[in-house]
Amino acid sequence: MSFTDPVRIDRLGQLAALHLYGMAAAWNEMLAEGPRRPVQPEAWLDRLIEAELADRQVRSLRYQLKAARFPVQRDLMGIDWGGNPAASGAD
């Protein structure tokens, strides 16, 4: 299928209208891969569902972090452990 195929554009539009953004992204990827070998429709559907679930989980996490209003996002490497008596080995 070419990128200007009206059926593909319609499917992407329908997925976006249904707020299935993970499926839409996976659909694009699957079409870009091209036909390598025959794939059962159930395998395509499983892949689309997995992509949608992963996308929803990422969006949910982003929303929760934004709602929590954490001041600064940093990792454990950025923390100064020098003032912590447990970190210095003193018991």
N, C-alpha and C. Protein backbone atom coordinates (compact mmCIF):
# COMPACT_ATOMS: atom_id res chain seq x y z
N MET A 1 0.84 -1.18 0.00
CA MET A 1 0.00 0.00 0.00
C MET A 1 0.88 1.24 0.00
N SER A 2 0.49 2.21 -0.75
CA SER A 2 1.24 3.46 -0.77
C SER A 2 0.73 4.36 0.35
N PHE A 3 1.50 5.43 0.60
CA PHE A 3 1.12 6.33 1.67
C PHE A 3 -0.13 7.15 1.32
N THR A 4 -0.50 7.19 0.06
CA THR A 4 -1.67 7.97 -0.33
C THR A 4 -2.89 7.09 -0.53
N ASP A 5 -2.82 5.85 -0.13
CA ASP A 5 -3.93 4.93 -0.28
C ASP A 5 -5.12 5.42 0.55
N PRO A 6 -6.27 5.70 -0.08
CA PRO A 6 -7.40 6.25 0.67
C PRO A 6 -7.94 5.31 1.75
N VAL A 7 -7.83 4.00 1.56
CA VAL A 7 -8.31 3.06 2.58
C VAL A 7 -7.47 3.20 3.84
N ARG A 8 -6.16 3.33 3.70
CA ARG A 8 -5.27 3.46 4.84
C ARG A 8 -5.54 4.76 5.58
N ILE A 9 -5.71 5.84 4.86
CA ILE A 9 -5.99 7.13 5.48
C ILE A 9 -7.30 7.07 6.25
N ASP A 10 -8.30 6.41 5.67
CA ASP A 10 -9.59 6.29 6.34
C ASP A 10 -9.45 5.49 7.62
N ARG A 11 -8.69 4.41 7.60
CA ARG A 11 -8.51 3.61 8.81
C ARG A 11 -7.80 4.40 9.89
N LEU A 12 -6.77 5.13 9.50
CA LEU A 12 -6.07 5.95 10.49
C LEU A 12 -6.99 7.02 11.06
N GLY A 13 -7.81 7.60 10.23
CA GLY A 13 -8.78 8.59 10.70
C GLY A 13 -9.78 7.99 11.66
N GLN A 14 -10.23 6.79 11.35
CA GLN A 14 -11.18 6.12 12.22
C GLN A 14 -10.55 5.77 13.56
N LEU A 15 -9.31 5.30 13.55
CA LEU A 15 -8.62 4.98 14.81
C LEU A 15 -8.42 6.24 15.64
N ALA A 16 -8.05 7.33 15.00
CA ALA A 16 -7.87 8.59 15.73
C ALA A 16 -9.20 9.10 16.28
N ALA A 17 -10.26 8.97 15.50
CA ALA A 17 -11.58 9.41 15.96
C ALA A 17 -12.03 8.62 17.18
N LEU A 18 -11.60 7.37 17.27
CA LEU A 18 -11.95 6.54 18.41
C LEU A 18 -10.95 6.67 19.56
N HIS A 19 -9.98 7.58 19.40
CA HIS A 19 -8.92 7.80 20.40
C HIS A 19 -8.08 6.55 20.62
N LEU A 20 -7.84 5.80 19.56
CA LEU A 20 -6.99 4.61 19.61
C LEU A 20 -5.64 4.95 19.01
N TYR A 21 -4.91 5.85 19.67
CA TYR A 21 -3.66 6.38 19.13
C TYR A 21 -2.56 5.32 19.08
N GLY A 22 -2.51 4.43 20.04
CA GLY A 22 -1.52 3.36 20.03
C GLY A 22 -1.74 2.43 18.84
N MET A 23 -3.00 2.11 18.58
CA MET A 23 -3.31 1.26 17.43
C MET A 23 -2.95 1.96 16.12
N ALA A 24 -3.23 3.26 16.04
CA ALA A 24 -2.92 4.01 14.82
C ALA A 24 -1.42 4.00 14.55
N ALA A 25 -0.61 4.19 15.59
CA ALA A 25 0.84 4.18 15.42
C ALA A 25 1.32 2.78 15.01
N ALA A 26 0.78 1.76 15.64
CA ALA A 26 1.16 0.39 15.30
C ALA A 26 0.73 0.04 13.88
N TRP A 27 -0.43 0.54 13.47
CA TRP A 27 -0.92 0.29 12.11
C TRP A 27 0.05 0.87 11.09
N ASN A 28 0.51 2.10 11.35
CA ASN A 28 1.50 2.72 10.46
C ASN A 28 2.77 1.88 10.39
N GLU A 29 3.25 1.42 11.52
CA GLU A 29 4.46 0.61 11.57
C GLU A 29 4.27 -0.70 10.82
N MET A 30 3.14 -1.33 11.00
CA MET A 30 2.88 -2.62 10.35
C MET A 30 2.81 -2.45 8.84
N LEU A 31 2.21 -1.36 8.38
CA LEU A 31 2.14 -1.11 6.95
C LEU A 31 3.51 -0.75 6.38
N ALA A 32 4.32 -0.06 7.15
CA ALA A 32 5.66 0.32 6.69
C ALA A 32 6.57 -0.89 6.56
N GLU A 33 6.34 -1.91 7.39
CA GLU A 33 7.14 -3.13 7.32
C GLU A 33 6.96 -3.84 5.99
N GLY A 34 5.80 -3.70 5.41
CA GLY A 34 5.53 -4.35 4.14
C GLY A 34 5.22 -5.82 4.31
N PRO A 35 4.77 -6.43 3.23
CA PRO A 35 4.43 -7.86 3.32
C PRO A 35 5.68 -8.73 3.32
N ARG A 36 5.99 -9.34 4.46
CA ARG A 36 7.12 -10.25 4.55
C ARG A 36 6.65 -11.69 4.40
N ARG A 37 5.64 -12.00 5.14
CA ARG A 37 5.07 -13.34 5.07
C ARG A 37 3.61 -13.23 5.45
N PRO A 38 2.80 -14.16 5.05
CA PRO A 38 1.39 -14.08 5.42
C PRO A 38 1.22 -14.12 6.95
N VAL A 39 0.42 -13.24 7.45
CA VAL A 39 0.16 -13.16 8.89
C VAL A 39 -1.33 -13.34 9.12
N GLN A 40 -1.65 -14.12 10.11
CA GLN A 40 -3.03 -14.35 10.46
C GLN A 40 -3.65 -13.05 11.00
N PRO A 41 -4.90 -12.79 10.70
CA PRO A 41 -5.56 -11.58 11.22
C PRO A 41 -5.51 -11.49 12.75
N GLU A 42 -5.56 -12.64 13.41
CA GLU A 42 -5.51 -12.63 14.88
C GLU A 42 -4.17 -12.10 15.37
N ALA A 43 -3.09 -12.41 14.66
CA ALA A 43 -1.76 -11.91 15.05
C ALA A 43 -1.69 -10.40 14.88
N TRP A 44 -2.25 -9.88 13.80
CA TRP A 44 -2.31 -8.42 13.60
C TRP A 44 -3.11 -7.78 14.72
N LEU A 45 -4.27 -8.35 15.01
CA LEU A 45 -5.14 -7.80 16.04
C LEU A 45 -4.46 -7.83 17.40
N ASP A 46 -3.79 -8.92 17.72
CA ASP A 46 -3.07 -9.02 18.98
C ASP A 46 -2.01 -7.92 19.08
N ARG A 47 -1.29 -7.70 18.00
CA ARG A 47 -0.24 -6.68 17.99
C ARG A 47 -0.84 -5.27 18.16
N LEU A 48 -1.96 -5.02 17.50
CA LEU A 48 -2.61 -3.72 17.63
C LEU A 48 -3.12 -3.50 19.05
N ILE A 49 -3.71 -4.53 19.65
CA ILE A 49 -4.23 -4.42 21.02
C ILE A 49 -3.09 -4.18 22.00
N GLU A 50 -1.98 -4.90 21.84
CA GLU A 50 -0.82 -4.71 22.72
C GLU A 50 -0.28 -3.29 22.61
N ALA A 51 -0.22 -2.77 21.39
CA ALA A 51 0.27 -1.40 21.19
C ALA A 51 -0.66 -0.39 21.86
N GLU A 52 -1.95 -0.61 21.75
CA GLU A 52 -2.92 0.31 22.37
C GLU A 52 -2.81 0.26 23.89
N LEU A 53 -2.68 -0.93 24.45
CA LEU A 53 -2.55 -1.05 25.90
C LEU A 53 -1.28 -0.36 26.40
N ALA A 54 -0.18 -0.55 25.68
CA ALA A 54 1.08 0.09 26.07
C ALA A 54 0.97 1.61 25.98
N ASP A 55 0.33 2.11 24.91
CA ASP A 55 0.16 3.55 24.75
C ASP A 55 -0.71 4.12 25.87
N ARG A 56 -1.76 3.43 26.22
CA ARG A 56 -2.64 3.91 27.29
C ARG A 56 -1.92 3.92 28.64
N GLN A 57 -1.07 2.93 28.86
CA GLN A 57 -0.32 2.89 30.12
C GLN A 57 0.65 4.07 30.20
N VAL A 58 1.32 4.37 29.09
CA VAL A 58 2.25 5.50 29.06
C VAL A 58 1.50 6.81 29.28
N ARG A 59 0.37 6.99 28.60
CA ARG A 59 -0.41 8.21 28.77
C ARG A 59 -0.93 8.35 30.20
N SER A 60 -1.34 7.24 30.81
CA SER A 60 -1.83 7.27 32.18
C SER A 60 -0.72 7.68 33.15
N LEU A 61 0.46 7.12 32.96
CA LEU A 61 1.59 7.47 33.81
C LEU A 61 1.94 8.94 33.68
N ARG A 62 1.96 9.45 32.44
CA ARG A 62 2.23 10.87 32.22
C ARG A 62 1.20 11.74 32.94
N TYR A 63 -0.05 11.36 32.83
CA TYR A 63 -1.13 12.12 33.48
C TYR A 63 -0.96 12.11 35.00
N GLN A 64 -0.66 10.93 35.56
CA GLN A 64 -0.51 10.82 37.00
C GLN A 64 0.67 11.64 37.51
N LEU A 65 1.77 11.62 36.76
CA LEU A 65 2.93 12.41 37.17
C LEU A 65 2.63 13.90 37.09
N LYS A 66 1.90 14.30 36.07
CA LYS A 66 1.52 15.71 35.94
C LYS A 66 0.56 16.10 37.06
N ALA A 67 -0.39 15.24 37.38
CA ALA A 67 -1.37 15.53 38.44
C ALA A 67 -0.70 15.59 39.81
N ALA A 68 0.36 14.81 40.01
CA ALA A 68 1.06 14.80 41.29
C ALA A 68 1.84 16.10 41.52
N ARG A 69 2.13 16.81 40.44
CA ARG A 69 2.84 18.09 40.49
C ARG A 69 4.18 17.99 41.21
N PHE A 70 4.94 16.97 40.88
CA PHE A 70 6.28 16.86 41.42
C PHE A 70 7.11 18.04 40.94
N PRO A 71 7.89 18.67 41.83
CA PRO A 71 8.61 19.88 41.43
C PRO A 71 9.70 19.63 40.38
N VAL A 72 10.52 18.62 40.60
CA VAL A 72 11.62 18.35 39.69
C VAL A 72 11.73 16.84 39.50
N GLN A 73 11.90 16.45 38.27
CA GLN A 73 12.08 15.03 38.01
C GLN A 73 13.58 14.74 37.93
N ARG A 74 14.07 13.85 38.79
CA ARG A 74 15.48 13.50 38.77
C ARG A 74 15.64 12.03 39.16
N ASP A 75 16.80 11.51 38.88
CA ASP A 75 17.07 10.12 39.19
C ASP A 75 17.95 10.03 40.44
N LEU A 76 18.25 8.82 40.85
CA LEU A 76 19.04 8.61 42.08
C LEU A 76 20.49 9.07 41.91
N MET A 77 20.98 9.17 40.71
CA MET A 77 22.36 9.60 40.48
C MET A 77 22.53 11.09 40.81
N GLY A 78 21.46 11.86 40.74
CA GLY A 78 21.54 13.30 41.00
C GLY A 78 21.41 13.67 42.46
N ILE A 79 21.26 12.72 43.35
CA ILE A 79 21.07 13.00 44.78
C ILE A 79 22.42 12.98 45.49
N ASP A 80 22.65 13.97 46.34
CA ASP A 80 23.88 14.03 47.14
C ASP A 80 23.65 13.19 48.40
N TRP A 81 24.31 12.05 48.46
CA TRP A 81 24.13 11.13 49.58
C TRP A 81 25.11 11.40 50.72
N GLY A 82 25.94 12.41 50.60
CA GLY A 82 26.97 12.69 51.60
C GLY A 82 26.43 13.02 52.98
N GLY A 83 25.32 13.70 53.09
CA GLY A 83 24.76 14.09 54.39
C GLY A 83 23.96 13.01 55.06
N ASN A 84 23.80 11.86 54.42
CA ASN A 84 23.00 10.77 54.95
C ASN A 84 23.90 9.81 55.74
N PRO A 85 23.71 9.68 57.07
CA PRO A 85 24.58 8.79 57.85
C PRO A 85 24.51 7.33 57.41
N ALA A 86 23.38 6.89 56.90
CA ALA A 86 23.26 5.51 56.44
C ALA A 86 24.11 5.27 55.21
N ALA A 87 24.28 6.28 54.38
CA ALA A 87 25.05 6.13 53.15
C ALA A 87 26.55 6.11 53.43
N SER A 88 26.99 6.71 54.54
CA SER A 88 28.42 6.77 54.85
C SER A 88 28.93 5.51 55.54
N GLY A 89 28.03 4.63 55.90
CA GLY A 89 28.43 3.36 56.52
C GLY A 89 28.51 3.45 58.02
N ALA A 90 28.18 4.58 58.62
CA ALA A 90 28.24 4.71 60.09
C ALA A 90 26.98 4.12 60.70
N ASP A 91 27.14 3.26 61.66
CA ASP A 91 25.98 2.67 62.35
C ASP A 91 25.94 3.10 63.78
